[in-house]
Amino acid sequence: MIHVEQHGDVAQIVMDTPPVNAFDRPFLERLGEALAGVPAHTSAVVVSSAVPRIFAAGGDIPYMARADLDDQMSYVQLCQDVYGAFDHIAVPTIAAVDGACLGGGLELALSCDIRVVSPDVRLGLPEATLGILAGGGAIHRIVRALGQGPARDMLLTGRRITGADAHAVGLASRLADPGTVTAAALAVAADIAALDRDAVTTVTTTARAVLPVGRP
């Protein structure tokens, strides 16, 4: 489902739940456990997918459709807790997006400090088209990443953009050729791991604190 690979001081969390890495409860719980369990010497974390052409397609829609209100609220809280954990880990996190990144998948990518994408992938928050909300924190995080205008456009219309467009508007930090995104993200992580750890930790926590999730 999800496993962690260690590359020196870089931890790689690999999502591997075909066909689309749907974020059901066990998946989210394991994701949170994987992040919490990275070794203490880790200097950077990369989140990637082993499913071809998919980063993550987001929430478990069939589950949400049949769940009662209490279950739905509990599920949303779990989403917020897991994505929020990325705000609190002391080391930089990097999303390697080499496939469709939608809904909860983009919420996860937005929770990371750096996003490396391939030009032709699709990213979006289609929740409004499904009659639901991006309840894991993406409404705040995408505004923080893009500013009000572009963020509201994506949130209100549910439109999907390409990786190239995401890079152009600042949603993605770097572009890499298809099939090389994870390697590129690991290279960025290795570069970070070679820097002074105290300086990186200070920059990471300070940058995240500039506009905490939840503020307008």
N, C-alpha and C. Protein backbone atom coordinates (compact mmCIF):
# COMPACT_ATOMS: atom_id res chain seq x y z
N MET A 1 0.84 -1.20 0.00
CA MET A 1 0.00 0.00 0.00
C MET A 1 0.88 1.25 0.00
N ILE A 2 1.61 1.44 1.08
CA ILE A 2 2.56 2.54 1.19
C ILE A 2 3.81 2.01 1.86
N HIS A 3 4.97 2.32 1.29
CA HIS A 3 6.21 1.89 1.93
C HIS A 3 7.21 3.03 1.90
N VAL A 4 8.20 2.93 2.75
CA VAL A 4 9.21 3.96 2.88
C VAL A 4 10.57 3.39 2.49
N GLU A 5 11.26 4.11 1.61
CA GLU A 5 12.62 3.74 1.22
C GLU A 5 13.56 4.82 1.73
N GLN A 6 14.70 4.41 2.25
CA GLN A 6 15.66 5.36 2.77
C GLN A 6 16.85 5.46 1.83
N HIS A 7 17.19 6.67 1.44
CA HIS A 7 18.34 6.93 0.57
C HIS A 7 19.29 7.84 1.34
N GLY A 8 20.12 7.25 2.17
CA GLY A 8 20.97 8.08 3.03
C GLY A 8 20.11 8.87 3.98
N ASP A 9 20.20 10.20 3.91
CA ASP A 9 19.42 11.07 4.78
C ASP A 9 18.10 11.50 4.16
N VAL A 10 17.72 10.89 3.05
CA VAL A 10 16.46 11.21 2.38
C VAL A 10 15.50 10.03 2.51
N ALA A 11 14.30 10.30 2.99
CA ALA A 11 13.26 9.29 3.07
C ALA A 11 12.30 9.46 1.90
N GLN A 12 11.95 8.37 1.26
CA GLN A 12 11.00 8.39 0.16
C GLN A 12 9.76 7.60 0.55
N ILE A 13 8.63 8.29 0.63
CA ILE A 13 7.35 7.64 0.90
C ILE A 13 6.71 7.31 -0.44
N VAL A 14 6.51 6.03 -0.69
CA VAL A 14 6.01 5.57 -1.99
C VAL A 14 4.57 5.09 -1.85
N MET A 15 3.67 5.73 -2.57
CA MET A 15 2.26 5.31 -2.60
C MET A 15 2.09 4.28 -3.70
N ASP A 16 1.52 3.15 -3.35
CA ASP A 16 1.43 2.05 -4.32
C ASP A 16 0.14 1.27 -4.09
N THR A 17 -0.99 1.93 -4.38
CA THR A 17 -2.30 1.31 -4.22
C THR A 17 -3.09 1.47 -5.51
N PRO A 18 -2.87 0.60 -6.50
CA PRO A 18 -3.61 0.71 -7.75
C PRO A 18 -5.11 0.56 -7.49
N PRO A 19 -5.95 1.12 -8.36
CA PRO A 19 -5.53 1.73 -9.63
C PRO A 19 -5.21 3.22 -9.54
N VAL A 20 -5.65 3.92 -8.45
CA VAL A 20 -5.50 5.38 -8.47
C VAL A 20 -4.99 5.96 -7.16
N ASN A 21 -4.47 5.13 -6.24
CA ASN A 21 -4.05 5.63 -4.92
C ASN A 21 -5.18 6.40 -4.24
N ALA A 22 -6.37 5.79 -4.21
CA ALA A 22 -7.51 6.45 -3.56
C ALA A 22 -7.28 6.56 -2.06
N PHE A 23 -7.63 7.71 -1.51
CA PHE A 23 -7.36 8.00 -0.11
C PHE A 23 -8.49 7.49 0.78
N ASP A 24 -8.55 6.17 0.97
CA ASP A 24 -9.50 5.65 1.95
C ASP A 24 -8.85 5.72 3.33
N ARG A 25 -9.58 5.30 4.35
CA ARG A 25 -9.08 5.43 5.72
C ARG A 25 -7.75 4.69 5.94
N PRO A 26 -7.66 3.40 5.55
CA PRO A 26 -6.39 2.70 5.76
C PRO A 26 -5.22 3.37 5.05
N PHE A 27 -5.48 3.89 3.84
CA PHE A 27 -4.43 4.55 3.08
C PHE A 27 -3.94 5.80 3.83
N LEU A 28 -4.88 6.63 4.27
CA LEU A 28 -4.51 7.85 4.98
C LEU A 28 -3.79 7.54 6.30
N GLU A 29 -4.27 6.54 7.01
CA GLU A 29 -3.63 6.18 8.27
C GLU A 29 -2.20 5.72 8.03
N ARG A 30 -2.00 4.92 7.00
CA ARG A 30 -0.65 4.44 6.71
C ARG A 30 0.25 5.58 6.25
N LEU A 31 -0.31 6.52 5.49
CA LEU A 31 0.47 7.68 5.06
C LEU A 31 0.94 8.48 6.27
N GLY A 32 0.03 8.70 7.21
CA GLY A 32 0.42 9.41 8.42
C GLY A 32 1.46 8.67 9.23
N GLU A 33 1.32 7.36 9.31
CA GLU A 33 2.29 6.54 10.04
C GLU A 33 3.66 6.57 9.35
N ALA A 34 3.64 6.53 8.01
CA ALA A 34 4.91 6.55 7.27
C ALA A 34 5.65 7.86 7.52
N LEU A 35 4.92 8.97 7.51
CA LEU A 35 5.57 10.25 7.75
C LEU A 35 6.10 10.33 9.18
N ALA A 36 5.29 9.90 10.14
CA ALA A 36 5.70 9.96 11.54
C ALA A 36 6.87 9.04 11.83
N GLY A 37 7.02 7.99 11.02
CA GLY A 37 8.04 6.98 11.29
C GLY A 37 9.35 7.16 10.55
N VAL A 38 9.53 8.27 9.82
CA VAL A 38 10.81 8.44 9.13
C VAL A 38 11.92 8.56 10.17
N PRO A 39 13.09 7.99 9.90
CA PRO A 39 14.18 8.01 10.88
C PRO A 39 14.58 9.42 11.29
N ALA A 40 15.09 9.52 12.51
CA ALA A 40 15.44 10.83 13.06
C ALA A 40 16.52 11.54 12.27
N HIS A 41 17.37 10.77 11.59
CA HIS A 41 18.47 11.40 10.85
C HIS A 41 18.02 11.93 9.48
N THR A 42 16.76 11.72 9.13
CA THR A 42 16.25 12.15 7.83
C THR A 42 16.32 13.67 7.71
N SER A 43 16.81 14.14 6.55
CA SER A 43 16.94 15.58 6.30
C SER A 43 15.93 16.11 5.28
N ALA A 44 15.28 15.22 4.55
CA ALA A 44 14.26 15.62 3.59
C ALA A 44 13.40 14.40 3.26
N VAL A 45 12.14 14.66 2.88
CA VAL A 45 11.20 13.59 2.58
C VAL A 45 10.63 13.81 1.18
N VAL A 46 10.63 12.76 0.37
CA VAL A 46 10.02 12.80 -0.96
C VAL A 46 8.78 11.90 -0.94
N VAL A 47 7.67 12.40 -1.47
CA VAL A 47 6.45 11.61 -1.61
C VAL A 47 6.25 11.33 -3.09
N SER A 48 6.15 10.05 -3.46
CA SER A 48 6.03 9.68 -4.87
C SER A 48 5.00 8.56 -5.01
N SER A 49 4.74 8.19 -6.25
CA SER A 49 3.80 7.12 -6.55
C SER A 49 4.46 6.05 -7.41
N ALA A 50 4.11 4.80 -7.13
CA ALA A 50 4.57 3.69 -7.97
C ALA A 50 3.51 3.27 -8.98
N VAL A 51 2.35 3.93 -8.97
CA VAL A 51 1.27 3.60 -9.90
C VAL A 51 1.48 4.39 -11.19
N PRO A 52 1.61 3.72 -12.33
CA PRO A 52 1.87 4.44 -13.59
C PRO A 52 0.81 5.49 -13.89
N ARG A 53 1.27 6.67 -14.28
CA ARG A 53 0.43 7.78 -14.73
C ARG A 53 -0.50 8.32 -13.65
N ILE A 54 -0.24 7.95 -12.41
CA ILE A 54 -1.08 8.42 -11.30
C ILE A 54 -0.19 8.89 -10.16
N PHE A 55 -0.41 10.09 -9.66
CA PHE A 55 0.14 10.47 -8.36
C PHE A 55 -0.89 10.07 -7.31
N ALA A 56 -2.04 10.69 -7.32
CA ALA A 56 -3.15 10.27 -6.47
C ALA A 56 -4.42 10.92 -6.97
N ALA A 57 -5.49 10.16 -7.00
CA ALA A 57 -6.76 10.68 -7.50
C ALA A 57 -7.65 11.18 -6.39
N GLY A 58 -7.15 11.18 -5.15
CA GLY A 58 -7.87 11.83 -4.08
C GLY A 58 -8.74 10.91 -3.25
N GLY A 59 -9.80 11.48 -2.69
CA GLY A 59 -10.62 10.80 -1.71
C GLY A 59 -11.35 9.59 -2.26
N ASP A 60 -11.79 8.75 -1.35
CA ASP A 60 -12.55 7.55 -1.69
C ASP A 60 -14.01 7.98 -1.87
N ILE A 61 -14.37 8.36 -3.08
CA ILE A 61 -15.70 8.91 -3.35
C ILE A 61 -16.82 7.92 -3.01
N PRO A 62 -16.72 6.64 -3.40
CA PRO A 62 -17.80 5.70 -3.04
C PRO A 62 -18.01 5.61 -1.53
N TYR A 63 -16.91 5.63 -0.77
CA TYR A 63 -17.05 5.61 0.70
C TYR A 63 -17.77 6.86 1.18
N MET A 64 -17.35 8.02 0.69
CA MET A 64 -17.96 9.27 1.15
C MET A 64 -19.44 9.35 0.79
N ALA A 65 -19.80 8.74 -0.36
CA ALA A 65 -21.19 8.80 -0.80
C ALA A 65 -22.11 7.98 0.10
N ARG A 66 -21.59 6.89 0.68
CA ARG A 66 -22.45 6.04 1.50
C ARG A 66 -22.29 6.28 3.00
N ALA A 67 -21.27 7.03 3.40
CA ALA A 67 -21.01 7.25 4.83
C ALA A 67 -22.03 8.22 5.42
N ASP A 68 -22.36 8.00 6.70
CA ASP A 68 -23.25 8.95 7.37
C ASP A 68 -22.44 10.18 7.77
N LEU A 69 -23.14 11.17 8.33
CA LEU A 69 -22.50 12.46 8.60
C LEU A 69 -21.35 12.31 9.60
N ASP A 70 -21.54 11.52 10.63
CA ASP A 70 -20.49 11.34 11.63
C ASP A 70 -19.24 10.72 11.00
N ASP A 71 -19.44 9.72 10.15
CA ASP A 71 -18.31 9.08 9.47
C ASP A 71 -17.61 10.08 8.54
N GLN A 72 -18.39 10.87 7.84
CA GLN A 72 -17.80 11.86 6.94
C GLN A 72 -16.98 12.88 7.70
N MET A 73 -17.49 13.34 8.82
CA MET A 73 -16.76 14.32 9.63
C MET A 73 -15.47 13.71 10.17
N SER A 74 -15.54 12.46 10.59
CA SER A 74 -14.35 11.78 11.09
C SER A 74 -13.32 11.60 9.98
N TYR A 75 -13.80 11.30 8.78
CA TYR A 75 -12.90 11.13 7.63
C TYR A 75 -12.22 12.45 7.29
N VAL A 76 -12.98 13.54 7.27
CA VAL A 76 -12.40 14.85 6.97
C VAL A 76 -11.35 15.22 8.03
N GLN A 77 -11.64 14.91 9.28
CA GLN A 77 -10.67 15.20 10.34
C GLN A 77 -9.39 14.41 10.13
N LEU A 78 -9.52 13.15 9.71
CA LEU A 78 -8.34 12.34 9.41
C LEU A 78 -7.53 12.98 8.28
N CYS A 79 -8.21 13.42 7.23
CA CYS A 79 -7.52 14.10 6.13
C CYS A 79 -6.75 15.32 6.65
N GLN A 80 -7.42 16.13 7.45
CA GLN A 80 -6.77 17.33 7.97
C GLN A 80 -5.57 16.99 8.85
N ASP A 81 -5.71 15.94 9.65
CA ASP A 81 -4.60 15.53 10.52
C ASP A 81 -3.40 15.06 9.71
N VAL A 82 -3.65 14.27 8.67
CA VAL A 82 -2.54 13.72 7.89
C VAL A 82 -1.86 14.82 7.07
N TYR A 83 -2.65 15.63 6.37
CA TYR A 83 -2.05 16.70 5.59
C TYR A 83 -1.36 17.71 6.52
N GLY A 84 -1.98 17.96 7.67
CA GLY A 84 -1.39 18.90 8.62
C GLY A 84 -0.07 18.41 9.18
N ALA A 85 0.13 17.09 9.22
CA ALA A 85 1.39 16.56 9.73
C ALA A 85 2.57 17.01 8.87
N PHE A 86 2.31 17.27 7.59
CA PHE A 86 3.37 17.75 6.71
C PHE A 86 3.77 19.19 7.07
N ASP A 87 2.87 19.92 7.72
CA ASP A 87 3.22 21.27 8.18
C ASP A 87 4.10 21.25 9.41
N HIS A 88 4.11 20.12 10.11
CA HIS A 88 4.77 20.08 11.41
C HIS A 88 6.05 19.27 11.43
N ILE A 89 6.29 18.46 10.41
CA ILE A 89 7.56 17.75 10.37
C ILE A 89 8.67 18.78 10.15
N ALA A 90 9.79 18.58 10.81
CA ALA A 90 10.82 19.63 10.86
C ALA A 90 11.67 19.70 9.59
N VAL A 91 11.51 18.76 8.69
CA VAL A 91 12.36 18.74 7.49
C VAL A 91 11.53 19.04 6.25
N PRO A 92 12.16 19.52 5.16
CA PRO A 92 11.42 19.81 3.94
C PRO A 92 10.80 18.56 3.32
N THR A 93 9.64 18.75 2.70
CA THR A 93 8.95 17.67 2.01
C THR A 93 8.77 18.04 0.55
N ILE A 94 8.90 17.04 -0.31
CA ILE A 94 8.88 17.26 -1.77
C ILE A 94 7.91 16.28 -2.40
N ALA A 95 6.96 16.77 -3.17
CA ALA A 95 6.03 15.92 -3.90
C ALA A 95 6.57 15.69 -5.31
N ALA A 96 6.68 14.43 -5.70
CA ALA A 96 7.12 14.05 -7.05
C ALA A 96 5.88 13.65 -7.84
N VAL A 97 5.37 14.56 -8.66
CA VAL A 97 4.08 14.37 -9.33
C VAL A 97 4.32 14.01 -10.79
N ASP A 98 4.21 12.72 -11.09
CA ASP A 98 4.45 12.24 -12.46
C ASP A 98 3.21 11.54 -12.99
N GLY A 99 2.04 12.03 -12.56
CA GLY A 99 0.78 11.46 -13.00
C GLY A 99 -0.35 12.30 -12.47
N ALA A 100 -1.58 11.89 -12.76
CA ALA A 100 -2.76 12.65 -12.36
C ALA A 100 -2.73 12.96 -10.87
N CYS A 101 -3.01 14.22 -10.56
CA CYS A 101 -2.92 14.70 -9.17
C CYS A 101 -4.18 15.51 -8.90
N LEU A 102 -5.20 14.85 -8.37
CA LEU A 102 -6.52 15.45 -8.29
C LEU A 102 -7.09 15.35 -6.89
N GLY A 103 -7.94 16.29 -6.53
CA GLY A 103 -8.62 16.24 -5.25
C GLY A 103 -7.65 16.12 -4.10
N GLY A 104 -7.84 15.06 -3.31
CA GLY A 104 -6.96 14.82 -2.18
C GLY A 104 -5.52 14.65 -2.57
N GLY A 105 -5.27 14.19 -3.80
CA GLY A 105 -3.90 14.08 -4.27
C GLY A 105 -3.23 15.43 -4.36
N LEU A 106 -3.98 16.43 -4.87
CA LEU A 106 -3.42 17.79 -4.91
C LEU A 106 -3.37 18.38 -3.51
N GLU A 107 -4.31 18.03 -2.65
CA GLU A 107 -4.22 18.49 -1.26
C GLU A 107 -2.92 18.01 -0.64
N LEU A 108 -2.56 16.75 -0.90
CA LEU A 108 -1.30 16.23 -0.37
C LEU A 108 -0.11 16.97 -0.97
N ALA A 109 -0.11 17.16 -2.28
CA ALA A 109 1.00 17.87 -2.93
C ALA A 109 1.12 19.29 -2.40
N LEU A 110 -0.01 19.95 -2.15
CA LEU A 110 0.01 21.30 -1.61
C LEU A 110 0.55 21.34 -0.19
N SER A 111 0.47 20.22 0.51
CA SER A 111 1.00 20.15 1.87
C SER A 111 2.51 20.06 1.89
N CYS A 112 3.11 19.75 0.74
CA CYS A 112 4.56 19.64 0.66
C CYS A 112 5.19 21.00 0.38
N ASP A 113 6.45 21.14 0.75
CA ASP A 113 7.15 22.41 0.57
C ASP A 113 7.53 22.67 -0.88
N ILE A 114 7.85 21.61 -1.62
CA ILE A 114 8.30 21.72 -3.01
C ILE A 114 7.51 20.71 -3.84
N ARG A 115 7.13 21.12 -5.05
CA ARG A 115 6.43 20.21 -5.96
C ARG A 115 7.19 20.13 -7.28
N VAL A 116 7.59 18.92 -7.64
CA VAL A 116 8.26 18.65 -8.91
C VAL A 116 7.26 17.90 -9.78
N VAL A 117 6.98 18.41 -10.98
CA VAL A 117 5.95 17.82 -11.83
C VAL A 117 6.46 17.65 -13.25
N SER A 118 5.81 16.75 -13.98
CA SER A 118 6.09 16.66 -15.41
C SER A 118 5.10 17.55 -16.16
N PRO A 119 5.47 18.05 -17.34
CA PRO A 119 4.66 19.09 -18.00
C PRO A 119 3.26 18.66 -18.39
N ASP A 120 3.06 17.36 -18.65
CA ASP A 120 1.78 16.94 -19.21
C ASP A 120 0.82 16.34 -18.19
N VAL A 121 1.19 16.30 -16.91
CA VAL A 121 0.27 15.76 -15.92
C VAL A 121 -0.88 16.73 -15.70
N ARG A 122 -1.95 16.24 -15.12
CA ARG A 122 -3.12 17.06 -14.83
C ARG A 122 -3.27 17.22 -13.32
N LEU A 123 -3.51 18.45 -12.90
CA LEU A 123 -3.70 18.77 -11.50
C LEU A 123 -5.00 19.54 -11.34
N GLY A 124 -5.73 19.26 -10.28
CA GLY A 124 -6.97 19.98 -10.08
C GLY A 124 -7.66 19.61 -8.78
N LEU A 125 -8.62 20.46 -8.42
CA LEU A 125 -9.46 20.23 -7.25
C LEU A 125 -10.92 20.20 -7.75
N PRO A 126 -11.38 19.03 -8.20
CA PRO A 126 -12.70 18.95 -8.82
C PRO A 126 -13.87 18.83 -7.85
N GLU A 127 -13.60 19.04 -6.55
CA GLU A 127 -14.64 18.79 -5.55
C GLU A 127 -15.94 19.53 -5.82
N ALA A 128 -15.86 20.79 -6.27
CA ALA A 128 -17.08 21.57 -6.50
C ALA A 128 -17.97 20.92 -7.55
N THR A 129 -17.36 20.23 -8.51
CA THR A 129 -18.15 19.57 -9.55
C THR A 129 -18.83 18.31 -9.03
N LEU A 130 -18.41 17.85 -7.85
CA LEU A 130 -18.99 16.65 -7.24
C LEU A 130 -19.92 16.99 -6.08
N GLY A 131 -20.08 18.29 -5.82
CA GLY A 131 -20.95 18.71 -4.74
C GLY A 131 -20.34 18.55 -3.36
N ILE A 132 -19.00 18.53 -3.28
CA ILE A 132 -18.32 18.41 -1.99
C ILE A 132 -17.25 19.49 -1.89
N LEU A 133 -16.56 19.54 -0.76
CA LEU A 133 -15.51 20.52 -0.54
C LEU A 133 -14.15 19.85 -0.45
N ALA A 134 -13.12 20.62 -0.78
CA ALA A 134 -11.75 20.18 -0.51
C ALA A 134 -11.49 20.45 0.96
N GLY A 135 -11.87 19.49 1.81
CA GLY A 135 -11.93 19.74 3.24
C GLY A 135 -10.65 19.48 4.01
N GLY A 136 -9.59 19.04 3.32
CA GLY A 136 -8.37 18.71 4.02
C GLY A 136 -7.42 19.87 4.22
N GLY A 137 -7.82 21.06 3.77
CA GLY A 137 -6.97 22.24 3.93
C GLY A 137 -6.56 22.87 2.62
N ALA A 138 -6.94 22.27 1.49
CA ALA A 138 -6.48 22.77 0.19
C ALA A 138 -7.03 24.15 -0.13
N ILE A 139 -8.22 24.47 0.38
CA ILE A 139 -8.78 25.79 0.07
C ILE A 139 -7.84 26.88 0.56
N HIS A 140 -7.27 26.70 1.74
CA HIS A 140 -6.31 27.66 2.26
C HIS A 140 -4.95 27.51 1.59
N ARG A 141 -4.52 26.28 1.40
CA ARG A 141 -3.16 26.06 0.89
C ARG A 141 -3.01 26.54 -0.55
N ILE A 142 -4.04 26.36 -1.37
CA ILE A 142 -3.89 26.78 -2.77
C ILE A 142 -3.93 28.30 -2.88
N VAL A 143 -4.70 28.96 -2.01
CA VAL A 143 -4.66 30.42 -1.98
C VAL A 143 -3.28 30.89 -1.56
N ARG A 144 -2.70 30.22 -0.58
CA ARG A 144 -1.36 30.58 -0.13
C ARG A 144 -0.34 30.37 -1.25
N ALA A 145 -0.53 29.32 -2.05
CA ALA A 145 0.43 29.01 -3.12
C ALA A 145 0.28 29.91 -4.33
N LEU A 146 -0.96 30.26 -4.68
CA LEU A 146 -1.22 30.93 -5.95
C LEU A 146 -1.68 32.37 -5.83
N GLY A 147 -2.25 32.74 -4.69
CA GLY A 147 -2.95 34.01 -4.60
C GLY A 147 -4.43 33.81 -4.89
N GLN A 148 -5.23 34.83 -4.57
CA GLN A 148 -6.68 34.68 -4.60
C GLN A 148 -7.24 34.38 -6.00
N GLY A 149 -6.81 35.13 -7.01
CA GLY A 149 -7.43 34.99 -8.33
C GLY A 149 -7.31 33.60 -8.93
N PRO A 150 -6.08 33.13 -9.18
CA PRO A 150 -5.93 31.79 -9.78
C PRO A 150 -6.49 30.69 -8.88
N ALA A 151 -6.35 30.84 -7.57
CA ALA A 151 -6.83 29.80 -6.67
C ALA A 151 -8.35 29.70 -6.72
N ARG A 152 -9.03 30.83 -6.69
CA ARG A 152 -10.50 30.79 -6.73
C ARG A 152 -10.99 30.23 -8.06
N ASP A 153 -10.28 30.53 -9.13
CA ASP A 153 -10.64 29.98 -10.44
C ASP A 153 -10.64 28.46 -10.38
N MET A 154 -9.56 27.87 -9.86
CA MET A 154 -9.48 26.42 -9.79
C MET A 154 -10.50 25.83 -8.82
N LEU A 155 -10.68 26.49 -7.68
CA LEU A 155 -11.60 25.96 -6.66
C LEU A 155 -13.05 26.03 -7.11
N LEU A 156 -13.45 27.15 -7.73
CA LEU A 156 -14.86 27.36 -8.06
C LEU A 156 -15.28 26.64 -9.33
N THR A 157 -14.36 26.41 -10.24
CA THR A 157 -14.71 25.75 -11.50
C THR A 157 -14.34 24.27 -11.51
N GLY A 158 -13.40 23.87 -10.65
CA GLY A 158 -12.93 22.49 -10.67
C GLY A 158 -12.05 22.17 -11.86
N ARG A 159 -11.60 23.19 -12.58
CA ARG A 159 -10.84 22.93 -13.79
C ARG A 159 -9.47 22.33 -13.47
N ARG A 160 -8.98 21.56 -14.42
CA ARG A 160 -7.69 20.91 -14.28
C ARG A 160 -6.67 21.64 -15.15
N ILE A 161 -5.46 21.76 -14.64
CA ILE A 161 -4.40 22.41 -15.40
C ILE A 161 -3.26 21.42 -15.61
N THR A 162 -2.43 21.71 -16.59
CA THR A 162 -1.30 20.84 -16.86
C THR A 162 -0.15 21.17 -15.91
N GLY A 163 0.80 20.26 -15.85
CA GLY A 163 2.00 20.52 -15.06
C GLY A 163 2.73 21.75 -15.55
N ALA A 164 2.76 21.95 -16.87
CA ALA A 164 3.42 23.13 -17.42
C ALA A 164 2.71 24.40 -16.96
N ASP A 165 1.38 24.40 -16.97
CA ASP A 165 0.62 25.55 -16.49
C ASP A 165 0.85 25.74 -14.99
N ALA A 166 0.90 24.64 -14.25
CA ALA A 166 1.13 24.72 -12.80
C ALA A 166 2.48 25.37 -12.51
N HIS A 167 3.47 25.05 -13.30
CA HIS A 167 4.79 25.65 -13.11
C HIS A 167 4.74 27.14 -13.47
N ALA A 168 4.01 27.46 -14.53
CA ALA A 168 3.94 28.86 -14.98
C ALA A 168 3.29 29.76 -13.94
N VAL A 169 2.30 29.24 -13.20
CA VAL A 169 1.59 30.08 -12.23
C VAL A 169 2.15 29.93 -10.81
N GLY A 170 3.15 29.07 -10.64
CA GLY A 170 3.80 28.93 -9.34
C GLY A 170 3.26 27.82 -8.46
N LEU A 171 2.33 27.02 -8.99
CA LEU A 171 1.82 25.90 -8.21
C LEU A 171 2.86 24.79 -8.10
N ALA A 172 3.66 24.64 -9.15
CA ALA A 172 4.76 23.67 -9.14
C ALA A 172 6.08 24.42 -9.06
N SER A 173 7.02 23.84 -8.33
CA SER A 173 8.33 24.48 -8.15
C SER A 173 9.27 24.21 -9.31
N ARG A 174 9.23 22.96 -9.83
CA ARG A 174 10.16 22.56 -10.88
C ARG A 174 9.47 21.63 -11.86
N LEU A 175 9.95 21.62 -13.10
CA LEU A 175 9.49 20.68 -14.11
C LEU A 175 10.57 19.63 -14.36
N ALA A 176 10.12 18.43 -14.68
CA ALA A 176 11.04 17.35 -15.07
C ALA A 176 10.35 16.51 -16.13
N ASP A 177 11.14 15.90 -16.99
CA ASP A 177 10.57 15.08 -18.06
C ASP A 177 9.79 13.90 -17.47
N PRO A 178 8.73 13.46 -18.17
CA PRO A 178 8.00 12.28 -17.71
C PRO A 178 8.95 11.10 -17.49
N GLY A 179 8.73 10.40 -16.42
CA GLY A 179 9.57 9.26 -16.10
C GLY A 179 10.81 9.61 -15.30
N THR A 180 11.10 10.91 -15.17
CA THR A 180 12.29 11.34 -14.43
C THR A 180 11.93 12.16 -13.19
N VAL A 181 10.64 12.34 -12.93
CA VAL A 181 10.21 13.25 -11.88
C VAL A 181 10.68 12.79 -10.50
N THR A 182 10.50 11.52 -10.23
CA THR A 182 10.91 11.02 -8.90
C THR A 182 12.42 11.16 -8.72
N ALA A 183 13.18 10.83 -9.75
CA ALA A 183 14.64 10.99 -9.67
C ALA A 183 15.00 12.45 -9.44
N ALA A 184 14.30 13.35 -10.13
CA ALA A 184 14.57 14.78 -9.96
C ALA A 184 14.24 15.23 -8.55
N ALA A 185 13.13 14.75 -8.01
CA ALA A 185 12.75 15.11 -6.64
C ALA A 185 13.75 14.58 -5.63
N LEU A 186 14.21 13.35 -5.85
CA LEU A 186 15.22 12.78 -4.95
C LEU A 186 16.53 13.56 -5.04
N ALA A 187 16.86 14.06 -6.23
CA ALA A 187 18.07 14.86 -6.38
C ALA A 187 17.94 16.18 -5.61
N VAL A 188 16.77 16.81 -5.68
CA VAL A 188 16.55 18.03 -4.92
C VAL A 188 16.68 17.74 -3.43
N ALA A 189 16.08 16.63 -2.99
CA ALA A 189 16.15 16.26 -1.58
C ALA A 189 17.59 16.01 -1.15
N ALA A 190 18.37 15.35 -2.01
CA ALA A 190 19.78 15.09 -1.68
C ALA A 190 20.57 16.38 -1.57
N ASP A 191 20.27 17.33 -2.46
CA ASP A 191 20.94 18.64 -2.37
C ASP A 191 20.61 19.32 -1.04
N ILE A 192 19.34 19.23 -0.63
CA ILE A 192 18.95 19.83 0.64
C ILE A 192 19.64 19.12 1.81
N ALA A 193 19.70 17.80 1.72
CA ALA A 193 20.30 17.02 2.80
C ALA A 193 21.78 17.33 2.98
N ALA A 194 22.41 17.84 1.93
CA ALA A 194 23.84 18.18 2.02
C ALA A 194 24.08 19.53 2.69
N LEU A 195 23.03 20.29 2.91
CA LEU A 195 23.17 21.61 3.52
C LEU A 195 23.18 21.52 5.04
N ASP A 196 23.45 22.62 5.68
CA ASP A 196 23.44 22.66 7.15
C ASP A 196 22.04 22.38 7.66
N ARG A 197 21.90 21.35 8.47
CA ARG A 197 20.57 20.91 8.90
C ARG A 197 19.85 21.97 9.72
N ASP A 198 20.57 22.63 10.64
CA ASP A 198 19.92 23.64 11.47
C ASP A 198 19.39 24.80 10.64
N ALA A 199 20.18 25.21 9.64
CA ALA A 199 19.74 26.31 8.78
C ALA A 199 18.50 25.91 7.98
N VAL A 200 18.51 24.69 7.43
CA VAL A 200 17.38 24.22 6.64
C VAL A 200 16.13 24.11 7.51
N THR A 201 16.27 23.58 8.70
CA THR A 201 15.13 23.45 9.60
C THR A 201 14.55 24.81 9.95
N THR A 202 15.41 25.78 10.21
CA THR A 202 14.94 27.13 10.55
C THR A 202 14.20 27.76 9.38
N VAL A 203 14.77 27.64 8.18
CA VAL A 203 14.11 28.19 7.00
C VAL A 203 12.77 27.50 6.76
N THR A 204 12.74 26.18 6.89
CA THR A 204 11.52 25.41 6.65
C THR A 204 10.40 25.84 7.59
N THR A 205 10.69 25.86 8.87
CA THR A 205 9.64 26.19 9.84
C THR A 205 9.24 27.66 9.76
N THR A 206 10.18 28.52 9.47
CA THR A 206 9.86 29.95 9.37
C THR A 206 9.00 30.23 8.15
N ALA A 207 9.36 29.63 7.01
CA ALA A 207 8.59 29.84 5.79
C ALA A 207 7.16 29.34 5.94
N ARG A 208 6.98 28.21 6.60
CA ARG A 208 5.64 27.68 6.81
C ARG A 208 4.82 28.57 7.72
N ALA A 209 5.48 29.26 8.63
CA ALA A 209 4.78 30.08 9.62
C ALA A 209 4.37 31.43 9.08
N VAL A 210 4.84 31.79 7.88
CA VAL A 210 4.52 33.12 7.33
C VAL A 210 3.01 33.28 7.13
N LEU A 211 2.40 32.26 6.54
CA LEU A 211 0.95 32.29 6.35
C LEU A 211 0.39 30.92 6.74
N PRO A 212 0.17 30.67 8.01
CA PRO A 212 -0.33 29.37 8.43
C PRO A 212 -1.68 29.06 7.81
N VAL A 213 -1.92 27.78 7.56
CA VAL A 213 -3.23 27.36 7.06
C VAL A 213 -4.29 27.78 8.06
N GLY A 214 -5.36 28.37 7.53
CA GLY A 214 -6.45 28.80 8.39
C GLY A 214 -6.59 30.32 8.41
N ARG A 215 -5.54 31.04 8.04
CA ARG A 215 -5.67 32.49 7.95
C ARG A 215 -6.15 32.89 6.57
N PRO A 216 -6.87 33.99 6.46
CA PRO A 216 -7.33 34.45 5.13
C PRO A 216 -6.18 34.98 4.32
